[in-house]
């Protein structure tokens, strides 16, 4: 025989009901919406950083700046890697070129939701290098980036992505 549970009454019951409804409402937020926001946000951060490293090509959806042309590495990018970042093992010219390329290609893939987990892993690797070797005092920012990127790696890009669309085609 199952014991009969009395509904909660009074102020405590009202608070419990409210919390239960809030939990249900929050649980109903679609994964795809959260994933799209995470993908867009991380793409914007890294794309913006990449844009500071190139000349001849600018695309900024927020400010409306458009300069279509062949991108080239900006001299100040190499100076930044030589004078401020000082990464071990890589010459500043190579490090600047690799960073500028990754900060354009990986965010674009992330935004499209194409090779999302791999793109997020690449950006997580960059985040770890930045945290450990360049700006170790910026954990609050880098920890937030890492959490979003790990979330995308673990749960994927959601339905609003080329990964989802291609996966549906392959399964047919």
Protein backbone atom coordinates (compact mmCIF):
# COMPACT_ATOMS: atom_id res chain seq x y z
CA UNK A 1 0.00 0.00 0.00
CA UNK A 2 1.43 3.37 -1.05
CA UNK A 3 1.18 6.12 1.54
CA UNK A 4 -0.90 9.08 0.49
CA UNK A 5 1.19 12.25 0.20
CA UNK A 6 -0.60 15.36 1.28
CA UNK A 7 -0.18 18.40 -0.95
CA UNK A 8 1.92 21.08 0.69
CA UNK A 9 -0.01 23.97 2.09
CA UNK A 10 0.78 27.40 3.36
CA UNK A 11 3.78 29.57 2.47
CA UNK A 12 6.19 26.62 2.28
CA UNK A 13 3.92 24.86 -0.21
CA UNK A 14 3.63 28.00 -2.33
CA UNK A 15 7.41 28.41 -2.44
CA UNK A 16 7.90 24.74 -3.29
CA UNK A 17 5.35 24.97 -6.11
CA UNK A 18 6.96 28.13 -7.45
CA UNK A 19 10.42 26.52 -7.38
CA UNK A 20 9.07 23.43 -9.09
CA UNK A 21 7.49 25.50 -11.86
CA UNK A 22 10.66 27.56 -12.28
CA UNK A 23 12.75 24.37 -12.55
CA UNK A 24 10.36 22.95 -15.16
CA UNK A 25 10.40 26.21 -17.13
CA UNK A 26 14.21 26.35 -17.14
CA UNK A 27 14.44 22.67 -18.04
CA UNK A 28 12.27 23.34 -21.08
CA UNK A 29 14.85 25.68 -22.68
CA UNK A 30 15.87 23.80 -25.82
CA UNK A 31 19.46 22.54 -25.99
CA UNK A 32 19.62 23.86 -29.56
CA UNK A 33 18.93 27.44 -28.41
CA UNK A 34 21.63 27.29 -25.75
CA UNK A 35 24.08 25.66 -28.17
CA UNK A 36 23.42 28.33 -30.81
CA UNK A 37 24.04 31.09 -28.27
CA UNK A 38 27.25 29.38 -27.08
CA UNK A 39 28.45 28.88 -30.66
CA UNK A 40 27.71 32.47 -31.65
CA UNK A 41 29.27 33.90 -28.48
CA UNK A 42 32.49 31.93 -28.74
CA UNK A 43 32.75 32.58 -32.48
CA UNK A 44 32.38 36.32 -31.86
CA UNK A 45 35.13 36.36 -29.22
CA UNK A 46 37.70 34.55 -31.33
CA UNK A 47 36.71 36.15 -34.66
CA UNK A 48 37.13 39.61 -33.12
CA UNK A 49 40.56 38.66 -31.86
CA UNK A 50 41.50 37.30 -35.26
CA UNK A 51 40.38 40.51 -36.94
CA UNK A 52 42.96 42.46 -34.90
CA UNK A 53 45.70 40.31 -36.44
CA UNK A 54 44.93 40.89 -40.14
CA UNK A 55 44.76 43.73 -42.63
CA UNK A 56 42.92 43.88 -45.94
CA UNK A 57 39.90 41.93 -44.73
CA UNK A 58 37.38 43.05 -42.14
CA UNK A 59 33.95 41.67 -41.36
CA UNK A 60 32.23 42.94 -38.24
CA UNK A 61 28.51 42.24 -38.11
CA UNK A 62 28.05 44.37 -35.00
CA UNK A 63 29.71 47.59 -36.22
CA UNK A 64 28.83 47.00 -39.86
CA UNK A 65 32.47 47.26 -40.97
CA UNK A 66 33.12 45.41 -44.23
CA UNK A 67 36.37 45.35 -46.15
CA UNK A 68 36.54 42.45 -48.53
CA UNK A 69 39.98 41.66 -49.84
CA UNK A 70 42.83 39.25 -49.43
CA UNK A 71 43.79 39.13 -45.74
CA UNK A 72 47.42 39.55 -44.76
CA UNK A 73 49.05 39.34 -41.38
CA UNK A 74 49.25 42.74 -39.72
CA UNK A 75 52.76 43.75 -38.57
CA UNK A 76 51.42 44.60 -35.11
CA UNK A 77 50.29 40.97 -34.75
CA UNK A 78 53.87 39.73 -35.06
CA UNK A 79 54.99 42.46 -32.64
CA UNK A 80 52.35 41.31 -30.17
CA UNK A 81 53.59 37.73 -30.28
CA UNK A 82 57.23 38.85 -30.04
CA UNK A 83 56.90 41.48 -27.30
CA UNK A 84 53.88 40.55 -25.18
CA UNK A 85 52.84 36.92 -25.68
CA UNK A 86 56.37 35.45 -25.95
CA UNK A 87 55.20 31.90 -26.62
CA UNK A 88 57.91 29.28 -26.20
CA UNK A 89 58.91 26.97 -29.07
CA UNK A 90 57.29 28.99 -31.88
CA UNK A 91 58.79 31.96 -33.71
CA UNK A 92 56.49 35.00 -33.40
CA UNK A 93 55.84 35.12 -37.16
CA UNK A 94 54.59 31.52 -37.21
CA UNK A 95 52.61 31.87 -33.97
CA UNK A 96 50.88 35.02 -35.25
CA UNK A 97 49.99 33.38 -38.57
CA UNK A 98 48.67 30.22 -36.88
CA UNK A 99 46.62 32.22 -34.38
CA UNK A 100 45.16 34.54 -37.03
CA UNK A 101 44.21 31.58 -39.22
CA UNK A 102 42.69 29.57 -36.36
CA UNK A 103 40.81 32.63 -35.07
CA UNK A 104 39.09 32.96 -38.43
CA UNK A 105 38.56 29.36 -39.53
CA UNK A 106 37.46 27.78 -36.23
CA UNK A 107 34.88 30.48 -35.33
CA UNK A 108 33.40 30.28 -38.82
CA UNK A 109 33.06 26.50 -38.49
CA UNK A 110 31.62 26.91 -35.00
CA UNK A 111 29.08 29.46 -36.18
CA UNK A 112 27.97 27.19 -39.02
CA UNK A 113 27.86 24.23 -36.68
CA UNK A 114 30.24 22.29 -38.92
CA UNK A 115 32.82 20.07 -37.23
CA UNK A 116 31.58 21.74 -34.07
CA UNK A 117 33.20 19.44 -31.53
CA UNK A 118 36.56 19.58 -33.31
CA UNK A 119 36.35 23.37 -33.72
CA UNK A 120 35.46 23.78 -30.05
CA UNK A 121 38.41 21.54 -29.11
CA UNK A 122 40.75 23.74 -31.17
CA UNK A 123 39.45 26.89 -29.50
CA UNK A 124 39.71 25.22 -26.10
CA UNK A 125 43.36 24.45 -26.86
CA UNK A 126 43.93 28.10 -27.74
CA UNK A 127 42.15 29.14 -24.55
CA UNK A 128 44.42 26.90 -22.48
CA UNK A 129 47.55 28.33 -24.12
CA UNK A 130 46.31 31.87 -23.50
CA UNK A 131 45.46 31.05 -19.87
CA UNK A 132 48.67 29.20 -19.03
CA UNK A 133 51.27 31.07 -21.08
CA UNK A 134 49.93 34.54 -21.86
CA UNK A 135 47.38 35.86 -19.35
CA UNK A 136 47.33 33.56 -16.30
CA UNK A 137 45.45 36.16 -14.26
CA UNK A 138 42.42 36.08 -16.56
CA UNK A 139 40.93 32.83 -15.28
CA UNK A 140 37.43 34.27 -14.87
CA UNK A 141 37.22 34.99 -18.59
CA UNK A 142 39.05 31.90 -19.79
CA UNK A 143 37.13 29.65 -17.41
CA UNK A 144 33.88 30.90 -18.92
CA UNK A 145 35.18 30.25 -22.43
CA UNK A 146 36.37 26.78 -21.42
CA UNK A 147 32.99 25.93 -19.88
CA UNK A 148 31.10 26.90 -23.05
CA UNK A 149 33.56 25.09 -25.32
CA UNK A 150 33.50 21.94 -23.17
CA UNK A 151 29.70 22.09 -23.16
CA UNK A 152 29.68 22.21 -26.97
CA UNK A 153 32.19 19.37 -27.15
CA UNK A 154 30.13 17.22 -24.78
CA UNK A 155 26.62 17.94 -26.07
CA UNK A 156 27.18 19.05 -29.66
CA UNK A 157 25.89 21.98 -31.71
CA UNK A 158 22.15 21.34 -31.53
CA UNK A 159 19.64 21.13 -34.37
CA UNK A 160 20.45 24.52 -35.88
CA UNK A 161 23.73 23.33 -37.37
CA UNK A 162 25.26 21.78 -40.44
CA UNK A 163 26.47 18.90 -38.26
CA UNK A 164 22.85 18.05 -37.42
CA UNK A 165 21.71 18.45 -41.03
CA UNK A 166 24.57 16.31 -42.38
CA UNK A 167 24.02 13.72 -39.66
CA UNK A 168 20.35 13.42 -40.64
CA UNK A 169 21.36 12.92 -44.30
CA UNK A 170 23.88 10.22 -43.43
CA UNK A 171 21.40 8.33 -41.22
CA UNK A 172 18.88 8.06 -44.10
